[in-house]
PDB file of all heavy atoms in Angstrom:
ATOM      1  N   PRO A   1     -12.265  -4.444  -8.809  1.00  0.00           N
ATOM      2  CA  PRO A   1     -12.984  -3.993  -7.616  1.00  0.00           C
ATOM      3  C   PRO A   1     -14.389  -3.508  -7.952  1.00  0.00           C
ATOM      4  O   PRO A   1     -14.598  -2.826  -8.948  1.00  0.00           O
ATOM      5  CB  PRO A   1     -12.108  -2.844  -7.097  1.00  0.00           C
ATOM      6  CG  PRO A   1     -11.411  -2.335  -8.315  1.00  0.00           C
ATOM      7  CD  PRO A   1     -11.153  -3.550  -9.168  1.00  0.00           C
ATOM      8  N   LEU A   2     -15.336  -3.919  -7.121  1.00  0.00           N
ATOM      9  CA  LEU A   2     -16.722  -3.443  -7.218  1.00  0.00           C
ATOM     10  C   LEU A   2     -17.405  -3.860  -8.512  1.00  0.00           C
ATOM     11  O   LEU A   2     -18.404  -3.270  -8.916  1.00  0.00           O
ATOM     12  CB  LEU A   2     -16.784  -1.916  -7.067  1.00  0.00           C
ATOM     13  CG  LEU A   2     -16.082  -1.343  -5.834  1.00  0.00           C
ATOM     14  CD1 LEU A   2     -16.202   0.173  -5.822  1.00  0.00           C
ATOM     15  CD2 LEU A   2     -16.647  -1.947  -4.565  1.00  0.00           C
ATOM     16  N   GLY A   3     -16.887  -4.887  -9.195  1.00  0.00           N
ATOM     17  CA  GLY A   3     -17.563  -5.382 -10.384  1.00  0.00           C
ATOM     18  C   GLY A   3     -16.772  -5.170 -11.655  1.00  0.00           C
ATOM     19  O   GLY A   3     -15.720  -4.534 -11.674  1.00  0.00           O
ATOM     20  N   LEU A   4     -17.325  -5.720 -12.755  1.00  0.00           N
ATOM     21  CA  LEU A   4     -16.603  -5.710 -14.028  1.00  0.00           C
ATOM     22  C   LEU A   4     -16.486  -4.328 -14.642  1.00  0.00           C
ATOM     23  O   LEU A   4     -15.672  -4.120 -15.547  1.00  0.00           O
ATOM     24  CB  LEU A   4     -17.299  -6.660 -15.010  1.00  0.00           C
ATOM     25  CG  LEU A   4     -17.339  -8.134 -14.588  1.00  0.00           C
ATOM     26  CD1 LEU A   4     -18.063  -8.959 -15.633  1.00  0.00           C
ATOM     27  CD2 LEU A   4     -15.936  -8.676 -14.352  1.00  0.00           C
ATOM     28  N   GLN A   5     -17.296  -3.356 -14.165  1.00  0.00           N
ATOM     29  CA  GLN A   5     -17.178  -2.003 -14.738  1.00  0.00           C
ATOM     30  C   GLN A   5     -15.842  -1.368 -14.388  1.00  0.00           C
ATOM     31  O   GLN A   5     -15.423  -0.400 -15.025  1.00  0.00           O
ATOM     32  CB  GLN A   5     -18.332  -1.101 -14.279  1.00  0.00           C
ATOM     33  CG  GLN A   5     -18.369  -0.788 -12.796  1.00  0.00           C
ATOM     34  CD  GLN A   5     -19.188  -1.791 -12.009  1.00  0.00           C
ATOM     35  OE1 GLN A   5     -19.241  -2.966 -12.365  1.00  0.00           O
ATOM     36  NE2 GLN A   5     -19.855  -1.335 -10.961  1.00  0.00           N
ATOM     37  N   PHE A   6     -15.161  -1.891 -13.365  1.00  0.00           N
ATOM     38  CA  PHE A   6     -13.828  -1.402 -13.008  1.00  0.00           C
ATOM     39  C   PHE A   6     -12.774  -2.467 -13.295  1.00  0.00           C
ATOM     40  O   PHE A   6     -11.764  -2.545 -12.591  1.00  0.00           O
ATOM     41  CB  PHE A   6     -13.777  -0.994 -11.535  1.00  0.00           C
ATOM     42  CG  PHE A   6     -14.659   0.175 -11.193  1.00  0.00           C
ATOM     43  CD1 PHE A   6     -15.832  -0.012 -10.476  1.00  0.00           C
ATOM     44  CD2 PHE A   6     -14.336   1.447 -11.600  1.00  0.00           C
ATOM     45  CE1 PHE A   6     -16.652   1.063 -10.173  1.00  0.00           C
ATOM     46  CE2 PHE A   6     -15.144   2.525 -11.297  1.00  0.00           C
ATOM     47  CZ  PHE A   6     -16.312   2.330 -10.583  1.00  0.00           C
ATOM     48  N   SER A   7     -13.018  -3.283 -14.309  1.00  0.00           N
ATOM     49  CA  SER A   7     -12.106  -4.390 -14.618  1.00  0.00           C
ATOM     50  C   SER A   7     -10.701  -3.886 -14.940  1.00  0.00           C
ATOM     51  O   SER A   7     -10.518  -2.825 -15.532  1.00  0.00           O
ATOM     52  CB  SER A   7     -12.643  -5.202 -15.798  1.00  0.00           C
ATOM     53  OG  SER A   7     -12.698  -4.417 -16.961  1.00  0.00           O
ATOM     54  N   GLY A   8      -9.723  -4.673 -14.525  1.00  0.00           N
ATOM     55  CA  GLY A   8      -8.329  -4.333 -14.802  1.00  0.00           C
ATOM     56  C   GLY A   8      -7.789  -3.187 -13.985  1.00  0.00           C
ATOM     57  O   GLY A   8      -6.764  -2.600 -14.348  1.00  0.00           O
ATOM     58  N   SER A   9      -8.448  -2.860 -12.868  1.00  0.00           N
ATOM     59  CA  SER A   9      -7.958  -1.763 -12.028  1.00  0.00           C
ATOM     60  C   SER A   9      -6.587  -2.103 -11.443  1.00  0.00           C
ATOM     61  O   SER A   9      -6.329  -3.238 -11.037  1.00  0.00           O
ATOM     62  CB  SER A   9      -8.947  -1.482 -10.897  1.00  0.00           C
ATOM     63  OG  SER A   9     -10.132  -0.916 -11.396  1.00  0.00           O
ATOM     64  N   VAL A  10      -5.733  -1.097 -11.390  1.00  0.00           N
ATOM     65  CA  VAL A  10      -4.364  -1.275 -10.901  1.00  0.00           C
ATOM     66  C   VAL A  10      -4.156  -0.395  -9.674  1.00  0.00           C
ATOM     67  O   VAL A  10      -4.460   0.794  -9.699  1.00  0.00           O
ATOM     68  CB  VAL A  10      -3.344  -0.887 -11.993  1.00  0.00           C
ATOM     69  CG1 VAL A  10      -1.916  -1.034 -11.466  1.00  0.00           C
ATOM     70  CG2 VAL A  10      -3.548  -1.720 -13.236  1.00  0.00           C
ATOM     71  N   THR A  11      -3.657  -0.990  -8.606  1.00  0.00           N
ATOM     72  CA  THR A  11      -3.285  -0.221  -7.417  1.00  0.00           C
ATOM     73  C   THR A  11      -1.861  -0.608  -7.031  1.00  0.00           C
ATOM     74  O   THR A  11      -1.407  -1.717  -7.306  1.00  0.00           O
ATOM     75  CB  THR A  11      -4.236  -0.479  -6.236  1.00  0.00           C
ATOM     76  OG1 THR A  11      -4.298  -1.889  -5.959  1.00  0.00           O
ATOM     77  CG2 THR A  11      -5.630   0.033  -6.544  1.00  0.00           C
ATOM     78  N   GLN A  12      -1.172   0.316  -6.403  1.00  0.00           N
ATOM     79  CA  GLN A  12       0.212   0.083  -6.030  1.00  0.00           C
ATOM     80  C   GLN A  12       0.393   0.304  -4.534  1.00  0.00           C
ATOM     81  O   GLN A  12      -0.261   1.145  -3.930  1.00  0.00           O
ATOM     82  CB  GLN A  12       1.150   1.015  -6.794  1.00  0.00           C
ATOM     83  CG  GLN A  12       2.634   0.749  -6.521  1.00  0.00           C
ATOM     84  CD  GLN A  12       3.548   1.706  -7.271  1.00  0.00           C
ATOM     85  OE1 GLN A  12       3.074   2.650  -7.902  1.00  0.00           O
ATOM     86  NE2 GLN A  12       4.845   1.486  -7.204  1.00  0.00           N
ATOM     87  N   GLY A  13       1.271  -0.483  -3.932  1.00  0.00           N
ATOM     88  CA  GLY A  13       1.565  -0.330  -2.511  1.00  0.00           C
ATOM     89  C   GLY A  13       2.846  -1.062  -2.180  1.00  0.00           C
ATOM     90  O   GLY A  13       3.709  -1.262  -3.038  1.00  0.00           O
ATOM     91  N   ILE A  14       2.952  -1.483  -0.937  1.00  0.00           N
ATOM     92  CA  ILE A  14       4.116  -2.235  -0.481  1.00  0.00           C
ATOM     93  C   ILE A  14       3.656  -3.460   0.294  1.00  0.00           C
ATOM     94  O   ILE A  14       2.487  -3.576   0.662  1.00  0.00           O
ATOM     95  CB  ILE A  14       5.037  -1.383   0.431  1.00  0.00           C
ATOM     96  CG1 ILE A  14       4.261  -0.937   1.692  1.00  0.00           C
ATOM     97  CG2 ILE A  14       5.598  -0.186  -0.314  1.00  0.00           C
ATOM     98  CD1 ILE A  14       5.128  -0.314   2.754  1.00  0.00           C
ATOM     99  N   ILE A  15       4.581  -4.367   0.529  1.00  0.00           N
ATOM    100  CA  ILE A  15       4.320  -5.479   1.436  1.00  0.00           C
ATOM    101  C   ILE A  15       4.428  -4.933   2.858  1.00  0.00           C
ATOM    102  O   ILE A  15       5.477  -4.440   3.269  1.00  0.00           O
ATOM    103  CB  ILE A  15       5.332  -6.623   1.229  1.00  0.00           C
ATOM    104  CG1 ILE A  15       5.129  -7.270  -0.139  1.00  0.00           C
ATOM    105  CG2 ILE A  15       5.194  -7.655   2.336  1.00  0.00           C
ATOM    106  CD1 ILE A  15       3.822  -8.011  -0.297  1.00  0.00           C
ATOM    107  N   SER A  16       3.323  -5.002   3.596  1.00  0.00           N
ATOM    108  CA  SER A  16       3.305  -4.480   4.965  1.00  0.00           C
ATOM    109  C   SER A  16       3.769  -5.529   5.970  1.00  0.00           C
ATOM    110  O   SER A  16       4.248  -5.180   7.055  1.00  0.00           O
ATOM    111  CB  SER A  16       1.894  -4.010   5.326  1.00  0.00           C
ATOM    112  OG  SER A  16       1.421  -3.067   4.389  1.00  0.00           O
ATOM    113  N   GLY A  17       3.592  -6.795   5.640  1.00  0.00           N
ATOM    114  CA  GLY A  17       4.004  -7.865   6.546  1.00  0.00           C
ATOM    115  C   GLY A  17       3.907  -9.208   5.859  1.00  0.00           C
ATOM    116  O   GLY A  17       3.151  -9.387   4.902  1.00  0.00           O
ATOM    117  N   THR A  18       4.693 -10.170   6.324  1.00  0.00           N
ATOM    118  CA  THR A  18       4.674 -11.527   5.785  1.00  0.00           C
ATOM    119  C   THR A  18       4.288 -12.501   6.890  1.00  0.00           C
ATOM    120  O   THR A  18       4.394 -12.183   8.083  1.00  0.00           O
ATOM    121  CB  THR A  18       6.042 -11.919   5.205  1.00  0.00           C
ATOM    122  OG1 THR A  18       7.027 -11.837   6.250  1.00  0.00           O
ATOM    123  CG2 THR A  18       6.449 -10.976   4.073  1.00  0.00           C
ATOM    124  N   GLU A  19       3.824 -13.679   6.502  1.00  0.00           N
ATOM    125  CA  GLU A  19       3.468 -14.751   7.436  1.00  0.00           C
ATOM    126  C   GLU A  19       2.463 -14.284   8.487  1.00  0.00           C
ATOM    127  O   GLU A  19       2.565 -14.625   9.659  1.00  0.00           O
ATOM    128  CB  GLU A  19       4.720 -15.322   8.103  1.00  0.00           C
ATOM    129  CG  GLU A  19       5.693 -15.956   7.120  1.00  0.00           C
ATOM    130  CD  GLU A  19       6.912 -16.549   7.795  1.00  0.00           C
ATOM    131  OE1 GLU A  19       7.075 -16.352   9.013  1.00  0.00           O
ATOM    132  OE2 GLU A  19       7.698 -17.191   7.101  1.00  0.00           O
ATOM    133  N   ARG A  20       1.496 -13.498   8.060  1.00  0.00           N
ATOM    134  CA  ARG A  20       0.400 -13.124   8.955  1.00  0.00           C
ATOM    135  C   ARG A  20      -0.546 -14.318   9.104  1.00  0.00           C
ATOM    136  O   ARG A  20      -0.873 -14.995   8.133  1.00  0.00           O
ATOM    137  CB  ARG A  20      -0.384 -11.944   8.390  1.00  0.00           C
ATOM    138  CG  ARG A  20       0.447 -10.678   8.202  1.00  0.00           C
ATOM    139  CD  ARG A  20       0.962 -10.155   9.515  1.00  0.00           C
ATOM    140  NE  ARG A  20       1.373  -8.764   9.398  1.00  0.00           N
ATOM    141  CZ  ARG A  20       2.419  -8.242   9.992  1.00  0.00           C
ATOM    142  NH1 ARG A  20       3.191  -9.009  10.743  1.00  0.00           N
ATOM    143  NH2 ARG A  20       2.711  -6.962   9.869  1.00  0.00           N
ATOM    144  N   ALA A  21      -1.000 -14.593  10.306  1.00  0.00           N
ATOM    145  CA  ALA A  21      -1.899 -15.715  10.574  1.00  0.00           C
ATOM    146  C   ALA A  21      -3.308 -15.182  10.819  1.00  0.00           C
ATOM    147  O   ALA A  21      -3.537 -14.410  11.751  1.00  0.00           O
ATOM    148  CB  ALA A  21      -1.410 -16.514  11.775  1.00  0.00           C
ATOM    149  N   ILE A  22      -4.246 -15.594   9.963  1.00  0.00           N
ATOM    150  CA  ILE A  22      -5.631 -15.157  10.071  1.00  0.00           C
ATOM    151  C   ILE A  22      -6.493 -16.354  10.460  1.00  0.00           C
ATOM    152  O   ILE A  22      -6.547 -17.359   9.734  1.00  0.00           O
ATOM    153  CB  ILE A  22      -6.130 -14.570   8.739  1.00  0.00           C
ATOM    154  CG1 ILE A  22      -5.229 -13.425   8.295  1.00  0.00           C
ATOM    155  CG2 ILE A  22      -7.577 -14.117   8.861  1.00  0.00           C
ATOM    156  CD1 ILE A  22      -5.203 -12.249   9.242  1.00  0.00           C
ATOM    157  N   PRO A  23      -7.193 -16.309  11.611  1.00  0.00           N
ATOM    158  CA  PRO A  23      -8.027 -17.449  12.032  1.00  0.00           C
ATOM    159  C   PRO A  23      -9.226 -17.648  11.107  1.00  0.00           C
ATOM    160  O   PRO A  23      -9.883 -16.691  10.717  1.00  0.00           O
ATOM    161  CB  PRO A  23      -8.468 -17.058  13.442  1.00  0.00           C
ATOM    162  CG  PRO A  23      -8.347 -15.572  13.498  1.00  0.00           C
ATOM    163  CD  PRO A  23      -7.224 -15.202  12.577  1.00  0.00           C
ATOM    164  N   ILE A  24      -9.489 -18.902  10.753  1.00  0.00           N
ATOM    165  CA  ILE A  24     -10.585 -19.252   9.858  1.00  0.00           C
ATOM    166  C   ILE A  24     -11.506 -20.258  10.542  1.00  0.00           C
ATOM    167  O   ILE A  24     -11.055 -21.299  11.038  1.00  0.00           O
ATOM    168  CB  ILE A  24     -10.056 -19.874   8.541  1.00  0.00           C
ATOM    169  CG1 ILE A  24      -9.037 -18.933   7.871  1.00  0.00           C
ATOM    170  CG2 ILE A  24     -11.201 -20.204   7.602  1.00  0.00           C
ATOM    171  CD1 ILE A  24      -9.615 -17.644   7.384  1.00  0.00           C
ATOM    172  N   ASP A  25     -12.805 -19.953  10.584  1.00  0.00           N
ATOM    173  CA  ASP A  25     -13.824 -20.889  11.065  1.00  0.00           C
ATOM    174  C   ASP A  25     -14.671 -21.284   9.862  1.00  0.00           C
ATOM    175  O   ASP A  25     -15.621 -20.603   9.507  1.00  0.00           O
ATOM    176  CB  ASP A  25     -14.682 -20.229  12.155  1.00  0.00           C
ATOM    177  CG  ASP A  25     -15.841 -21.119  12.587  1.00  0.00           C
ATOM    178  OD1 ASP A  25     -15.797 -22.327  12.298  1.00  0.00           O
ATOM    179  OD2 ASP A  25     -16.796 -20.602  13.196  1.00  0.00           O
ATOM    180  N   GLU A  26     -14.340 -22.411   9.236  1.00  0.00           N
ATOM    181  CA  GLU A  26     -14.978 -22.784   7.979  1.00  0.00           C
ATOM    182  C   GLU A  26     -16.325 -23.481   8.167  1.00  0.00           C
ATOM    183  O   GLU A  26     -17.197 -23.376   7.328  1.00  0.00           O
ATOM    184  CB  GLU A  26     -14.045 -23.685   7.156  1.00  0.00           C
ATOM    185  CG  GLU A  26     -12.831 -22.966   6.618  1.00  0.00           C
ATOM    186  CD  GLU A  26     -13.169 -21.834   5.657  1.00  0.00           C
ATOM    187  OE1 GLU A  26     -14.315 -21.764   5.184  1.00  0.00           O
ATOM    188  OE2 GLU A  26     -12.283 -21.003   5.398  1.00  0.00           O
ATOM    189  N   ASN A  27     -16.510 -24.208   9.263  1.00  0.00           N
ATOM    190  CA  ASN A  27     -17.765 -24.932   9.425  1.00  0.00           C
ATOM    191  C   ASN A  27     -18.777 -24.191  10.300  1.00  0.00           C
ATOM    192  O   ASN A  27     -19.846 -24.708  10.605  1.00  0.00           O
ATOM    193  CB  ASN A  27     -17.518 -26.343   9.972  1.00  0.00           C
ATOM    194  CG  ASN A  27     -16.711 -26.317  11.269  1.00  0.00           C
ATOM    195  OD1 ASN A  27     -16.554 -25.269  11.889  1.00  0.00           O
ATOM    196  ND2 ASN A  27     -16.197 -27.469  11.663  1.00  0.00           N
ATOM    197  N   GLY A  28     -18.438 -22.967  10.713  1.00  0.00           N
ATOM    198  CA  GLY A  28     -19.391 -22.122  11.426  1.00  0.00           C
ATOM    199  C   GLY A  28     -19.744 -22.582  12.822  1.00  0.00           C
ATOM    200  O   GLY A  28     -20.793 -22.197  13.359  1.00  0.00           O
ATOM    201  N   ASP A  29     -18.878 -23.371  13.450  1.00  0.00           N
ATOM    202  CA  ASP A  29     -19.191 -23.864  14.795  1.00  0.00           C
ATOM    203  C   ASP A  29     -18.627 -22.977  15.897  1.00  0.00           C
ATOM    204  O   ASP A  29     -18.697 -23.314  17.083  1.00  0.00           O
ATOM    205  CB  ASP A  29     -18.684 -25.295  14.974  1.00  0.00           C
ATOM    206  CG  ASP A  29     -17.161 -25.399  14.853  1.00  0.00           C
ATOM    207  OD1 ASP A  29     -16.508 -24.365  14.573  1.00  0.00           O
ATOM    208  OD2 ASP A  29     -16.633 -26.516  15.020  1.00  0.00           O
ATOM    209  N   GLY A  30     -18.077 -21.840  15.516  1.00  0.00           N
ATOM    210  CA  GLY A  30     -17.525 -20.924  16.505  1.00  0.00           C
ATOM    211  C   GLY A  30     -16.110 -21.258  16.922  1.00  0.00           C
ATOM    212  O   GLY A  30     -15.504 -20.531  17.714  1.00  0.00           O
ATOM    213  N   GLN A  31     -15.559 -22.339  16.378  1.00  0.00           N
ATOM    214  CA  GLN A  31     -14.199 -22.745  16.697  1.00  0.00           C
ATOM    215  C   GLN A  31     -13.283 -22.454  15.501  1.00  0.00           C
ATOM    216  O   GLN A  31     -13.679 -22.649  14.345  1.00  0.00           O
ATOM    217  CB  GLN A  31     -14.139 -24.243  17.032  1.00  0.00           C
ATOM    218  CG  GLN A  31     -15.022 -24.659  18.186  1.00  0.00           C
ATOM    219  CD  GLN A  31     -14.590 -24.038  19.501  1.00  0.00           C
ATOM    220  OE1 GLN A  31     -13.394 -23.880  19.755  1.00  0.00           O
ATOM    221  NE2 GLN A  31     -15.557 -23.689  20.334  1.00  0.00           N
ATOM    222  N   VAL A  32     -12.086 -22.004  15.789  1.00  0.00           N
ATOM    223  CA  VAL A  32     -11.116 -21.733  14.720  1.00  0.00           C
ATOM    224  C   VAL A  32     -10.625 -23.064  14.157  1.00  0.00           C
ATOM    225  O   VAL A  32     -10.124 -23.921  14.897  1.00  0.00           O
ATOM    226  CB  VAL A  32      -9.929 -20.905  15.248  1.00  0.00           C
ATOM    227  CG1 VAL A  32      -8.877 -20.750  14.164  1.00  0.00           C
ATOM    228  CG2 VAL A  32     -10.409 -19.546  15.724  1.00  0.00           C
ATOM    229  N   ASP A  33     -10.820 -23.263  12.855  1.00  0.00           N
ATOM    230  CA  ASP A  33     -10.425 -24.508  12.203  1.00  0.00           C
ATOM    231  C   ASP A  33      -9.025 -24.445  11.607  1.00  0.00           C
ATOM    232  O   ASP A  33      -8.388 -25.480  11.401  1.00  0.00           O
ATOM    233  CB  ASP A  33     -11.414 -24.847  11.079  1.00  0.00           C
ATOM    234  CG  ASP A  33     -12.824 -25.076  11.602  1.00  0.00           C
ATOM    235  OD1 ASP A  33     -12.985 -25.908  12.501  1.00  0.00           O
ATOM    236  OD2 ASP A  33     -13.756 -24.396  11.128  1.00  0.00           O
ATOM    237  N   TRP A  34      -8.579 -23.234  11.302  1.00  0.00           N
ATOM    238  CA  TRP A  34      -7.333 -23.129  10.542  1.00  0.00           C
ATOM    239  C   TRP A  34      -6.808 -21.717  10.657  1.00  0.00           C
ATOM    240  O   TRP A  34      -7.569 -20.764  10.769  1.00  0.00           O
ATOM    241  CB  TRP A  34      -7.609 -23.484   9.074  1.00  0.00           C
ATOM    242  CG  TRP A  34      -6.418 -23.496   8.168  1.00  0.00           C
ATOM    243  CD1 TRP A  34      -6.155 -22.629   7.149  1.00  0.00           C
ATOM    244  CD2 TRP A  34      -5.336 -24.424   8.182  1.00  0.00           C
ATOM    245  NE1 TRP A  34      -4.987 -22.968   6.528  1.00  0.00           N
ATOM    246  CE2 TRP A  34      -4.453 -24.068   7.134  1.00  0.00           C
ATOM    247  CE3 TRP A  34      -5.026 -25.529   8.985  1.00  0.00           C
ATOM    248  CZ2 TRP A  34      -3.290 -24.772   6.873  1.00  0.00           C
ATOM    249  CZ3 TRP A  34      -3.860 -26.232   8.723  1.00  0.00           C
ATOM    250  CH2 TRP A  34      -3.011 -25.859   7.672  1.00  0.00           C
ATOM    251  N   ASN A  35      -5.506 -21.564  10.643  1.00  0.00           N
ATOM    252  CA  ASN A  35      -4.872 -20.254  10.549  1.00  0.00           C
ATOM    253  C   ASN A  35      -4.309 -20.091   9.152  1.00  0.00           C
ATOM    254  O   ASN A  35      -3.357 -20.778   8.772  1.00  0.00           O
ATOM    255  CB  ASN A  35      -3.744 -20.113  11.580  1.00  0.00           C
ATOM    256  CG  ASN A  35      -4.249 -19.577  12.903  1.00  0.00           C
ATOM    257  OD1 ASN A  35      -5.335 -19.018  12.965  1.00  0.00           O
ATOM    258  ND2 ASN A  35      -3.476 -19.754  13.955  1.00  0.00           N
ATOM    259  N   ALA A  36      -4.911 -19.212   8.374  1.00  0.00           N
ATOM    260  CA  ALA A  36      -4.421 -18.969   7.023  1.00  0.00           C
ATOM    261  C   ALA A  36      -3.217 -18.044   7.087  1.00  0.00           C
ATOM    262  O   ALA A  36      -3.289 -16.963   7.671  1.00  0.00           O
ATOM    263  CB  ALA A  36      -5.524 -18.339   6.173  1.00  0.00           C
ATOM    264  N   GLU A  37      -2.100 -18.484   6.497  1.00  0.00           N
ATOM    265  CA  GLU A  37      -0.898 -17.653   6.444  1.00  0.00           C
ATOM    266  C   GLU A  37      -0.955 -16.803   5.186  1.00  0.00           C
ATOM    267  O   GLU A  37      -1.052 -17.337   4.076  1.00  0.00           O
ATOM    268  CB  GLU A  37       0.360 -18.515   6.478  1.00  0.00           C
ATOM    269  CG  GLU A  37       0.572 -19.214   7.805  1.00  0.00           C
ATOM    270  CD  GLU A  37       1.910 -19.909   7.905  1.00  0.00           C
ATOM    271  OE1 GLU A  37       2.781 -19.649   7.047  1.00  0.00           O
ATOM    272  OE2 GLU A  37       2.087 -20.718   8.834  1.00  0.00           O
ATOM    273  N   VAL A  38      -0.904 -15.494   5.355  1.00  0.00           N
ATOM    274  CA  VAL A  38      -1.104 -14.579   4.230  1.00  0.00           C
ATOM    275  C   VAL A  38      -0.045 -13.486   4.223  1.00  0.00           C
ATOM    276  O   VAL A  38       0.640 -13.250   5.228  1.00  0.00           O
ATOM    277  CB  VAL A  38      -2.508 -13.931   4.287  1.00  0.00           C
ATOM    278  CG1 VAL A  38      -3.593 -14.976   4.107  1.00  0.00           C
ATOM    279  CG2 VAL A  38      -2.706 -13.178   5.603  1.00  0.00           C
ATOM    280  N   LEU A  39       0.070 -12.821   3.063  1.00  0.00           N
ATOM    281  CA  LEU A  39       0.869 -11.605   2.949  1.00  0.00           C
ATOM    282  C   LEU A  39      -0.040 -10.416   3.216  1.00  0.00           C
ATOM    283  O   LEU A  39      -1.194 -10.392   2.785  1.00  0.00           O
ATOM    284  CB  LEU A  39       1.449 -11.480   1.533  1.00  0.00           C
ATOM    285  CG  LEU A  39       2.394 -12.583   1.055  1.00  0.00           C
ATOM    286  CD1 LEU A  39       2.727 -12.376  -0.422  1.00  0.00           C
ATOM    287  CD2 LEU A  39       3.664 -12.603   1.882  1.00  0.00           C
ATOM    288  N   GLN A  40       0.478  -9.436   3.919  1.00  0.00           N
ATOM    289  CA  GLN A  40      -0.277  -8.203   4.171  1.00  0.00           C
ATOM    290  C   GLN A  40       0.265  -7.092   3.280  1.00  0.00           C
ATOM    291  O   GLN A  40       1.476  -6.909   3.164  1.00  0.00           O
ATOM    292  CB  GLN A  40      -0.160  -7.787   5.635  1.00  0.00           C
ATOM    293  CG  GLN A  40      -0.883  -6.491   5.967  1.00  0.00           C
ATOM    294  CD  GLN A  40      -0.552  -5.980   7.356  1.00  0.00           C
ATOM    295  OE1 GLN A  40      -0.124  -6.737   8.216  1.00  0.00           O
ATOM    296  NE2 GLN A  40      -0.718  -4.694   7.566  1.00  0.00           N
ATOM    297  N   THR A  41      -0.638  -6.357   2.626  1.00  0.00           N
ATOM    298  CA  THR A  41      -0.230  -5.257   1.757  1.00  0.00           C
ATOM    299  C   THR A  41      -1.140  -4.060   1.965  1.00  0.00           C
ATOM    300  O   THR A  41      -2.289  -4.217   2.397  1.00  0.00           O
ATOM    301  CB  THR A  41      -0.275  -5.682   0.269  1.00  0.00           C
ATOM    302  OG1 THR A  41       0.077  -4.567  -0.554  1.00  0.00           O
ATOM    303  CG2 THR A  41      -1.664  -6.168  -0.134  1.00  0.00           C
ATOM    304  N   ASP A  42      -0.625  -2.859   1.676  1.00  0.00           N
ATOM    305  CA  ASP A  42      -1.471  -1.667   1.730  1.00  0.00           C
ATOM    306  C   ASP A  42      -1.966  -1.262   0.349  1.00  0.00           C
ATOM    307  O   ASP A  42      -2.627  -0.236   0.201  1.00  0.00           O
ATOM    308  CB  ASP A  42      -0.741  -0.496   2.405  1.00  0.00           C
ATOM    309  CG  ASP A  42       0.431   0.031   1.573  1.00  0.00           C
ATOM    310  OD1 ASP A  42       0.830  -0.644   0.602  1.00  0.00           O
ATOM    311  OD2 ASP A  42       0.942   1.108   1.901  1.00  0.00           O
ATOM    312  N   ALA A  43      -1.656  -2.071  -0.691  1.00  0.00           N
ATOM    313  CA  ALA A  43      -2.252  -1.833  -2.009  1.00  0.00           C
ATOM    314  C   ALA A  43      -3.763  -2.026  -1.883  1.00  0.00           C
ATOM    315  O   ALA A  43      -4.221  -2.985  -1.263  1.00  0.00           O
ATOM    316  CB  ALA A  43      -1.673  -2.797  -3.041  1.00  0.00           C
ATOM    317  N   ALA A  44      -4.533  -1.119  -2.432  1.00  0.00           N
ATOM    318  CA  ALA A  44      -5.986  -1.146  -2.256  1.00  0.00           C
ATOM    319  C   ALA A  44      -6.583  -2.435  -2.814  1.00  0.00           C
ATOM    320  O   ALA A  44      -6.427  -2.746  -3.995  1.00  0.00           O
ATOM    321  CB  ALA A  44      -6.615   0.067  -2.946  1.00  0.00           C
ATOM    322  N   ILE A  45      -7.248  -3.196  -1.943  1.00  0.00           N
ATOM    323  CA  ILE A  45      -7.954  -4.413  -2.327  1.00  0.00           C
ATOM    324  C   ILE A  45      -9.399  -4.259  -1.855  1.00  0.00           C
ATOM    325  O   ILE A  45      -9.659  -4.104  -0.661  1.00  0.00           O
ATOM    326  CB  ILE A  45      -7.310  -5.666  -1.711  1.00  0.00           C
ATOM    327  CG1 ILE A  45      -5.889  -5.847  -2.259  1.00  0.00           C
ATOM    328  CG2 ILE A  45      -8.155  -6.903  -1.974  1.00  0.00           C
ATOM    329  CD1 ILE A  45      -5.135  -6.994  -1.623  1.00  0.00           C
TER     330      ILE A  45
END
């Protein structure tokens, strides 16, 4: 986090949710191109 001066930082948390859908507009046309399915966690990222 925040660069190599904090390399190897470790944070702990839990899985807050699974199969979360995040809209992605990759070509910048204002239209959603894809829903990225991700895991949600409260571990500091």
